[in-house]
Amino acid sequence: MIRIRPLLAGMRNIDPLYKLQMNIKIAMLFLEDDDPVSAETFIKKASSLIAHSKVCVYLCVRGA
């Protein structure tokens, strides 16, 4: 079972690229653990970051 703590909940100025990379990595870990329902939560968070930012998706996914 994977346990996730809020992504630096107390800090407000977190780079969107960092958030995107972490959400993708967490989703990948849940998929490796055969938990697609939890992975979907983080995929949705990542897609929201992509939709609301000007981040280069190719670089984010490649760097993840």
PDB file of N, CA and C in Angstrom:
ATOM      1  N   MET A   1       0.846  -1.177   0.000  1.00  0.00           N
ATOM      2  CA  MET A   1       0.000   0.000   0.000  1.00  0.00           C
ATOM      3  C   MET A   1       0.892   1.240   0.000  1.00  0.00           C
ATOM      4  N   ILE A   2       0.540   2.178  -0.809  1.00  0.00           N
ATOM      5  CA  ILE A   2       1.296   3.424  -0.901  1.00  0.00           C
ATOM      6  C   ILE A   2       0.592   4.483  -0.071  1.00  0.00           C
ATOM      7  N   ARG A   3       1.349   5.168   0.744  1.00  0.00           N
ATOM      8  CA  ARG A   3       0.785   6.275   1.526  1.00  0.00           C
ATOM      9  C   ARG A   3       1.352   7.581   1.003  1.00  0.00           C
ATOM     10  N   ILE A   4       0.476   8.538   0.783  1.00  0.00           N
ATOM     11  CA  ILE A   4       0.868   9.812   0.206  1.00  0.00           C
ATOM     12  C   ILE A   4       0.570  10.930   1.205  1.00  0.00           C
ATOM     13  N   ARG A   5       1.561  11.763   1.424  1.00  0.00           N
ATOM     14  CA  ARG A   5       1.354  12.960   2.235  1.00  0.00           C
ATOM     15  C   ARG A   5       1.040  14.105   1.291  1.00  0.00           C
ATOM     16  N   PRO A   6       0.298  15.101   1.746  1.00  0.00           N
ATOM     17  CA  PRO A   6       0.007  16.248   0.874  1.00  0.00           C
ATOM     18  C   PRO A   6       1.302  16.863   0.344  1.00  0.00           C
ATOM     19  N   LEU A   7       1.284  17.244  -0.906  1.00  0.00           N
ATOM     20  CA  LEU A   7       2.460  17.768  -1.579  1.00  0.00           C
ATOM     21  C   LEU A   7       2.811  19.133  -1.008  1.00  0.00           C
ATOM     22  N   LEU A   8       3.700  19.134  -0.022  1.00  0.00           N
ATOM     23  CA  LEU A   8       4.168  20.359   0.616  1.00  0.00           C
ATOM     24  C   LEU A   8       3.016  21.300   0.925  1.00  0.00           C
ATOM     25  N   ALA A   9       2.058  20.801   1.679  1.00  0.00           N
ATOM     26  CA  ALA A   9       0.813  21.512   1.942  1.00  0.00           C
ATOM     27  C   ALA A   9       1.018  22.897   2.547  1.00  0.00           C
ATOM     28  N   GLY A  10       2.051  23.076   3.346  1.00  0.00           N
ATOM     29  CA  GLY A  10       2.246  24.354   4.005  1.00  0.00           C
ATOM     30  C   GLY A  10       2.909  25.410   3.143  1.00  0.00           C
ATOM     31  N   MET A  11       3.461  25.005   2.021  1.00  0.00           N
ATOM     32  CA  MET A  11       4.167  25.950   1.161  1.00  0.00           C
ATOM     33  C   MET A  11       3.277  26.350  -0.005  1.00  0.00           C
ATOM     34  N   ARG A  12       3.193  27.631  -0.276  1.00  0.00           N
ATOM     35  CA  ARG A  12       2.308  28.103  -1.327  1.00  0.00           C
ATOM     36  C   ARG A  12       3.015  28.300  -2.658  1.00  0.00           C
ATOM     37  N   ASN A  13       4.274  28.630  -2.665  1.00  0.00           N
ATOM     38  CA  ASN A  13       4.989  28.910  -3.900  1.00  0.00           C
ATOM     39  C   ASN A  13       5.743  27.688  -4.389  1.00  0.00           C
ATOM     40  N   ILE A  14       4.992  26.733  -4.904  1.00  0.00           N
ATOM     41  CA  ILE A  14       5.595  25.524  -5.438  1.00  0.00           C
ATOM     42  C   ILE A  14       5.521  25.610  -6.956  1.00  0.00           C
ATOM     43  N   ASP A  15       6.620  25.293  -7.602  1.00  0.00           N
ATOM     44  CA  ASP A  15       6.690  25.331  -9.051  1.00  0.00           C
ATOM     45  C   ASP A  15       5.672  24.365  -9.656  1.00  0.00           C
ATOM     46  N   PRO A  16       4.818  24.841 -10.575  1.00  0.00           N
ATOM     47  CA  PRO A  16       3.829  23.957 -11.200  1.00  0.00           C
ATOM     48  C   PRO A  16       4.460  22.764 -11.913  1.00  0.00           C
ATOM     49  N   LEU A  17       5.638  22.958 -12.470  1.00  0.00           N
ATOM     50  CA  LEU A  17       6.337  21.863 -13.135  1.00  0.00           C
ATOM     51  C   LEU A  17       6.678  20.765 -12.125  1.00  0.00           C
ATOM     52  N   TYR A  18       7.112  21.163 -10.934  1.00  0.00           N
ATOM     53  CA  TYR A  18       7.436  20.203  -9.883  1.00  0.00           C
ATOM     54  C   TYR A  18       6.175  19.437  -9.457  1.00  0.00           C
ATOM     55  N   LYS A  19       5.072  20.166  -9.264  1.00  0.00           N
ATOM     56  CA  LYS A  19       3.817  19.525  -8.893  1.00  0.00           C
ATOM     57  C   LYS A  19       3.385  18.519  -9.954  1.00  0.00           C
ATOM     58  N   LEU A  20       3.516  18.913 -11.215  1.00  0.00           N
ATOM     59  CA  LEU A  20       3.135  18.040 -12.306  1.00  0.00           C
ATOM     60  C   LEU A  20       3.983  16.769 -12.304  1.00  0.00           C
ATOM     61  N   GLN A  21       5.284  16.925 -12.169  1.00  0.00           N
ATOM     62  CA  GLN A  21       6.179  15.767 -12.147  1.00  0.00           C
ATOM     63  C   GLN A  21       5.856  14.835 -10.980  1.00  0.00           C
ATOM     64  N   MET A  22       5.597  15.402  -9.810  1.00  0.00           N
ATOM     65  CA  MET A  22       5.298  14.575  -8.641  1.00  0.00           C
ATOM     66  C   MET A  22       3.976  13.834  -8.810  1.00  0.00           C
ATOM     67  N   ASN A  23       2.966  14.499  -9.358  1.00  0.00           N
ATOM     68  CA  ASN A  23       1.681  13.833  -9.571  1.00  0.00           C
ATOM     69  C   ASN A  23       1.814  12.694 -10.573  1.00  0.00           C
ATOM     70  N   ILE A  24       2.612  12.882 -11.607  1.00  0.00           N
ATOM     71  CA  ILE A  24       2.837  11.812 -12.587  1.00  0.00           C
ATOM     72  C   ILE A  24       3.582  10.647 -11.942  1.00  0.00           C
ATOM     73  N   LYS A  25       4.608  10.954 -11.162  1.00  0.00           N
ATOM     74  CA  LYS A  25       5.360   9.883 -10.492  1.00  0.00           C
ATOM     75  C   LYS A  25       4.477   9.099  -9.525  1.00  0.00           C
ATOM     76  N   ILE A  26       3.657   9.807  -8.768  1.00  0.00           N
ATOM     77  CA  ILE A  26       2.770   9.141  -7.808  1.00  0.00           C
ATOM     78  C   ILE A  26       1.770   8.260  -8.543  1.00  0.00           C
ATOM     79  N   ALA A  27       1.208   8.764  -9.640  1.00  0.00           N
ATOM     80  CA  ALA A  27       0.269   7.958 -10.428  1.00  0.00           C
ATOM     81  C   ALA A  27       0.955   6.696 -10.947  1.00  0.00           C
ATOM     82  N   MET A  28       2.179   6.840 -11.411  1.00  0.00           N
ATOM     83  CA  MET A  28       2.919   5.680 -11.912  1.00  0.00           C
ATOM     84  C   MET A  28       3.150   4.660 -10.801  1.00  0.00           C
ATOM     85  N   LEU A  29       3.444   5.117  -9.597  1.00  0.00           N
ATOM     86  CA  LEU A  29       3.649   4.196  -8.472  1.00  0.00           C
ATOM     87  C   LEU A  29       2.368   3.445  -8.133  1.00  0.00           C
ATOM     88  N   PHE A  30       1.242   4.147  -8.157  1.00  0.00           N
ATOM     89  CA  PHE A  30      -0.031   3.471  -7.895  1.00  0.00           C
ATOM     90  C   PHE A  30      -0.334   2.445  -8.984  1.00  0.00           C
ATOM     91  N   LEU A  31      -0.024   2.774 -10.236  1.00  0.00           N
ATOM     92  CA  LEU A  31      -0.252   1.814 -11.312  1.00  0.00           C
ATOM     93  C   LEU A  31       0.642   0.585 -11.155  1.00  0.00           C
ATOM     94  N   GLU A  32       1.887   0.791 -10.738  1.00  0.00           N
ATOM     95  CA  GLU A  32       2.787  -0.334 -10.487  1.00  0.00           C
ATOM     96  C   GLU A  32       2.281  -1.206  -9.346  1.00  0.00           C
ATOM     97  N   ASP A  33       1.555  -0.583  -8.422  1.00  0.00           N
ATOM     98  CA  ASP A  33       1.004  -1.300  -7.270  1.00  0.00           C
ATOM     99  C   ASP A  33      -0.392  -1.856  -7.571  1.00  0.00           C
ATOM    100  N   ASP A  34      -0.791  -1.825  -8.853  1.00  0.00           N
ATOM    101  CA  ASP A  34      -2.105  -2.321  -9.286  1.00  0.00           C
ATOM    102  C   ASP A  34      -3.262  -1.640  -8.569  1.00  0.00           C
ATOM    103  N   ASP A  35      -3.182  -0.316  -8.501  1.00  0.00           N
ATOM    104  CA  ASP A  35      -4.247   0.475  -7.882  1.00  0.00           C
ATOM    105  C   ASP A  35      -4.646   1.603  -8.842  1.00  0.00           C
ATOM    106  N   PRO A  36      -5.394   1.260  -9.903  1.00  0.00           N
ATOM    107  CA  PRO A  36      -5.738   2.273 -10.904  1.00  0.00           C
ATOM    108  C   PRO A  36      -6.679   3.357 -10.399  1.00  0.00           C
ATOM    109  N   VAL A  37      -7.475   3.056  -9.388  1.00  0.00           N
ATOM    110  CA  VAL A  37      -8.407   4.060  -8.860  1.00  0.00           C
ATOM    111  C   VAL A  37      -7.638   5.206  -8.203  1.00  0.00           C
ATOM    112  N   SER A  38      -6.654   4.868  -7.382  1.00  0.00           N
ATOM    113  CA  SER A  38      -5.839   5.912  -6.749  1.00  0.00           C
ATOM    114  C   SER A  38      -4.983   6.631  -7.779  1.00  0.00           C
ATOM    115  N   ALA A  39      -4.485   5.889  -8.768  1.00  0.00           N
ATOM    116  CA  ALA A  39      -3.670   6.504  -9.820  1.00  0.00           C
ATOM    117  C   ALA A  39      -4.477   7.544 -10.571  1.00  0.00           C
ATOM    118  N   GLU A  40      -5.745   7.255 -10.806  1.00  0.00           N
ATOM    119  CA  GLU A  40      -6.597   8.183 -11.550  1.00  0.00           C
ATOM    120  C   GLU A  40      -6.717   9.537 -10.844  1.00  0.00           C
ATOM    121  N   THR A  41      -6.735   9.523  -9.524  1.00  0.00           N
ATOM    122  CA  THR A  41      -6.796  10.771  -8.761  1.00  0.00           C
ATOM    123  C   THR A  41      -5.616  11.666  -9.105  1.00  0.00           C
ATOM    124  N   PHE A  42      -4.434  11.097  -9.158  1.00  0.00           N
ATOM    125  CA  PHE A  42      -3.241  11.893  -9.431  1.00  0.00           C
ATOM    126  C   PHE A  42      -3.094  12.222 -10.913  1.00  0.00           C
ATOM    127  N   ILE A  43      -3.647  11.377 -11.770  1.00  0.00           N
ATOM    128  CA  ILE A  43      -3.661  11.701 -13.196  1.00  0.00           C
ATOM    129  C   ILE A  43      -4.569  12.907 -13.433  1.00  0.00           C
ATOM    130  N   LYS A  44      -5.693  12.950 -12.738  1.00  0.00           N
ATOM    131  CA  LYS A  44      -6.595  14.099 -12.863  1.00  0.00           C
ATOM    132  C   LYS A  44      -5.934  15.370 -12.344  1.00  0.00           C
ATOM    133  N   LYS A  45      -5.197  15.258 -11.242  1.00  0.00           N
ATOM    134  CA  LYS A  45      -4.476  16.427 -10.722  1.00  0.00           C
ATOM    135  C   LYS A  45      -3.436  16.907 -11.726  1.00  0.00           C
ATOM    136  N   ALA A  46      -2.728  15.967 -12.335  1.00  0.00           N
ATOM    137  CA  ALA A  46      -1.714  16.320 -13.337  1.00  0.00           C
ATOM    138  C   ALA A  46      -2.361  16.959 -14.549  1.00  0.00           C
ATOM    139  N   SER A  47      -3.474  16.416 -14.996  1.00  0.00           N
ATOM    140  CA  SER A  47      -4.127  16.980 -16.180  1.00  0.00           C
ATOM    141  C   SER A  47      -4.655  18.376 -15.888  1.00  0.00           C
ATOM    142  N   SER A  48      -5.075  18.605 -14.657  1.00  0.00           N
ATOM    143  CA  SER A  48      -5.519  19.947 -14.281  1.00  0.00           C
ATOM    144  C   SER A  48      -4.360  20.932 -14.331  1.00  0.00           C
ATOM    145  N   LEU A  49      -3.189  20.505 -13.871  1.00  0.00           N
ATOM    146  CA  LEU A  49      -2.012  21.370 -13.922  1.00  0.00           C
ATOM    147  C   LEU A  49      -1.598  21.660 -15.363  1.00  0.00           C
ATOM    148  N   ILE A  50      -1.728  20.659 -16.221  1.00  0.00           N
ATOM    149  CA  ILE A  50      -1.387  20.854 -17.629  1.00  0.00           C
ATOM    150  C   ILE A  50      -2.357  21.842 -18.261  1.00  0.00           C
ATOM    151  N   ALA A  51      -3.634  21.685 -17.973  1.00  0.00           N
ATOM    152  CA  ALA A  51      -4.661  22.531 -18.570  1.00  0.00           C
ATOM    153  C   ALA A  51      -4.561  23.984 -18.112  1.00  0.00           C
ATOM    154  N   HIS A  52      -4.083  24.212 -16.892  1.00  0.00           N
ATOM    155  CA  HIS A  52      -4.059  25.557 -16.335  1.00  0.00           C
ATOM    156  C   HIS A  52      -2.677  26.197 -16.302  1.00  0.00           C
ATOM    157  N   SER A  53      -1.752  25.643 -17.023  1.00  0.00           N
ATOM    158  CA  SER A  53      -0.417  26.224 -17.022  1.00  0.00           C
ATOM    159  C   SER A  53       0.164  26.215 -18.427  1.00  0.00           C
ATOM    160  N   LYS A  54       1.295  26.850 -18.561  1.00  0.00           N
ATOM    161  CA  LYS A  54       1.978  26.911 -19.848  1.00  0.00           C
ATOM    162  C   LYS A  54       3.223  26.038 -19.801  1.00  0.00           C
ATOM    163  N   VAL A  55       3.105  24.887 -19.151  1.00  0.00           N
ATOM    164  CA  VAL A  55       4.226  23.970 -18.970  1.00  0.00           C
ATOM    165  C   VAL A  55       4.351  23.097 -20.217  1.00  0.00           C
ATOM    166  N   CYS A  56       5.573  22.844 -20.620  1.00  0.00           N
ATOM    167  CA  CYS A  56       5.836  21.972 -21.763  1.00  0.00           C
ATOM    168  C   CYS A  56       5.604  20.526 -21.323  1.00  0.00           C
ATOM    169  N   VAL A  57       4.557  19.912 -21.825  1.00  0.00           N
ATOM    170  CA  VAL A  57       4.163  18.582 -21.397  1.00  0.00           C
ATOM    171  C   VAL A  57       5.240  17.555 -21.738  1.00  0.00           C
ATOM    172  N   TYR A  58       5.841  17.676 -22.886  1.00  0.00           N
ATOM    173  CA  TYR A  58       6.856  16.705 -23.299  1.00  0.00           C
ATOM    174  C   TYR A  58       8.009  16.659 -22.289  1.00  0.00           C
ATOM    175  N   LEU A  59       8.474  17.801 -21.870  1.00  0.00           N
ATOM    176  CA  LEU A  59       9.582  17.834 -20.935  1.00  0.00           C
ATOM    177  C   LEU A  59       9.179  17.302 -19.565  1.00  0.00           C
ATOM    178  N   CYS A  60       7.954  17.578 -19.153  1.00  0.00           N
ATOM    179  CA  CYS A  60       7.485  17.122 -17.841  1.00  0.00           C
ATOM    180  C   CYS A  60       7.393  15.605 -17.795  1.00  0.00           C
ATOM    181  N   VAL A  61       6.795  15.025 -18.810  1.00  0.00           N
ATOM    182  CA  VAL A  61       6.622  13.582 -18.815  1.00  0.00           C
ATOM    183  C   VAL A  61       7.968  12.898 -18.998  1.00  0.00           C
ATOM    184  N   ARG A  62       8.800  13.436 -19.844  1.00  0.00           N
ATOM    185  CA  ARG A  62      10.109  12.836 -20.084  1.00  0.00           C
ATOM    186  C   ARG A  62      10.975  12.889 -18.827  1.00  0.00           C
ATOM    187  N   GLY A  63      10.842  13.981 -18.054  1.00  0.00           N
ATOM    188  CA  GLY A  63      11.654  14.126 -16.848  1.00  0.00           C
ATOM    189  C   GLY A  63      11.117  13.377 -15.667  1.00  0.00           C
ATOM    190  N   ALA A  64       9.893  12.881 -15.765  1.00  0.00           N
ATOM    191  CA  ALA A  64       9.268  12.209 -14.626  1.00  0.00           C
ATOM    192  C   ALA A  64       9.855  10.845 -14.356  1.00  0.00           C
TER     193      ALA A  64
END
